[in-house]
Amino acid sequence: ATVTGKTYANQGVDSLQASHKRLQRLLSNRKVPAEGWDDHSITLLLHQLAAQDSNNFQNNVGVGEREARIFSPLINARHFGLGHGIGRSGDVAAIQPKAAGSSLLNKLTNALTLSLIKEDIPELQGAVVLPLATGMALLLTLLCLKSQHPEKDTVVWPRMDQKTCLKALVSAGLRVRVVENLQQGDQVRTNLPEVEKILTEEHSRVLAVVTTTSCFAPRAPDKILEISRFASRFSVCHVINNAYGIQSISTCRLLSKALRVGRVDAIVQSTDKNFLVPVGGSIVTAPSTEMIDAVAKTYPGRASASPIVDLFVTMLSMGRTKWHELREHREMKLLPYLTTSLRNLAVQHGERLLETPDNPISVGISLQTFHRPDLGMPATYLGSMLFQRGVSGTRTIAPGSKKAVGGAGLKFEFASYGASFDGYGPDLAYLTAAAAIGTTERDVDEFCSRLGKSMAAWKKQADERAAGPIVGESA
């Protein structure tokens, strides 16, 4: 006070006390605050946490092989001095003696994440944020279940045409029983009779049914209510691949009901697809803390804290209010807007919207007139034109596409790859786009504008090729 005067000193003390009280509320409530924090407050908290790690102690002498020694000041600043990572060799969620601050941050992140997801899925009792993308987290979860049930070697998997999930199943060393789906109108749906048949005949060796709740049109999410009842009835595990489903309010309601009516052992989802952070993290949630503890103990060694810090900072910056605003906007406004915009554009070009009402994120349109392999212009040619015009994220599927997917020397051959059903179409070319969290109406407008221009350019090129070479020019 003698340096600055009592009034200014009191203001400074009040500010420090307010910051301390905010931290105390966060630690005691262990919930994402309703309103997001400013960057200065978040940065101050991160530095306070880093100060509790041994590499930042003033008088510390580290003589071990891992002492969070960081050569580049730029890298040290990027990580806020949090160099020890998370966990210990036997448990990725364990407290690390040399890193009390990093350990607290990890525990807080798991608690905040669970609190946010529980607002939509109250049946969940545990969550662990892993520095692994979704496929590896799914693999870790299956390895955990396999260690608990070593006598079981089979997983039942309703087909979903995305490589990651199947590669995770194969990499877990499991025998995969692929269930071919059913086409109902434009939609591809779960073949429940076939799932039930396999479980009836082979339940003694089935470790788990792995279902999917977020997928590309024309596939719809699996019928997880019925499958959760099957899992309970046949005493098999049920793991849900919910990669980008947390952003969907309707999907969360479906998950909540599945947990109430039947058996769900674990749900795996991505951090980047749901929380607007860089790629590299995932969240495993479960209706029991024992399952989460077992998954954490299955992870070998310590782990990077970067994806955990990313999610922690984002949740504090966003706050619960903004999080719910983003999700409600996506569901109530953006999805209908994208659907209507694509429907109108499709009609203008003699195409139609694919009717997939049970898919809450992905939307598709037919590309029948834009598939001319005889001219060297299959539907995928339109996709490349879009990419050249700066459009990313669309999927353009030509009929008859085949792909071999798998790993560890085991491959599965799929026809009509992309549709998740061998006989889809069978001559239907189509394009999909997603109404994903963070996307704006302006993004949709610009996408549809570029798609329309690409369609016009495609037709012009097709007409020129169909007409043949101009007189005087060589073929």
Foldseek 3Di string as FASTA:
>chain_A
DVVPDPVVVVVVVVVVVVLVVVVVCCVVVLAQFQAFDDPVSLLVLLLVLLCQAQLNDPPHDDDDPDRLDDDDPVVCVVNSNQRRFADFQQFQLDQDPRRNSLNVLQVSLFSHVCNLLCVLQVLWDGKHKAQAFQLVLLLLLVLLLCVVVVQAAEEEEAFAQDQSNQQSSVVNRHHYHYFFFDDDQQATEHPVVVVLVCCVVPLVRYQEYEFECAHAPPYFGYQLLVVQASCQVSVHEYEYEDAQVSLASVSSNSVNNSVVRGHYAKYKYGCCQHQVFDGGMIMIIGSDVVSVRSSRSSDGGYHHCVVSSRSSNSSNRCRSNNSVVLSCCLQVPLQVLLQVLVQVLQVVVVKGWRDRVNRRWKTKIWDLVQADVVLVGGQVNLVVQLVVVVDDAKDKFFAFDWDWHYDPPDTDIATSRRNSHNCPPNGTIMMMHTSGGPDDSVNSVVSSVSSSVSSVVSVVVVVCSVVPDDPPDDD
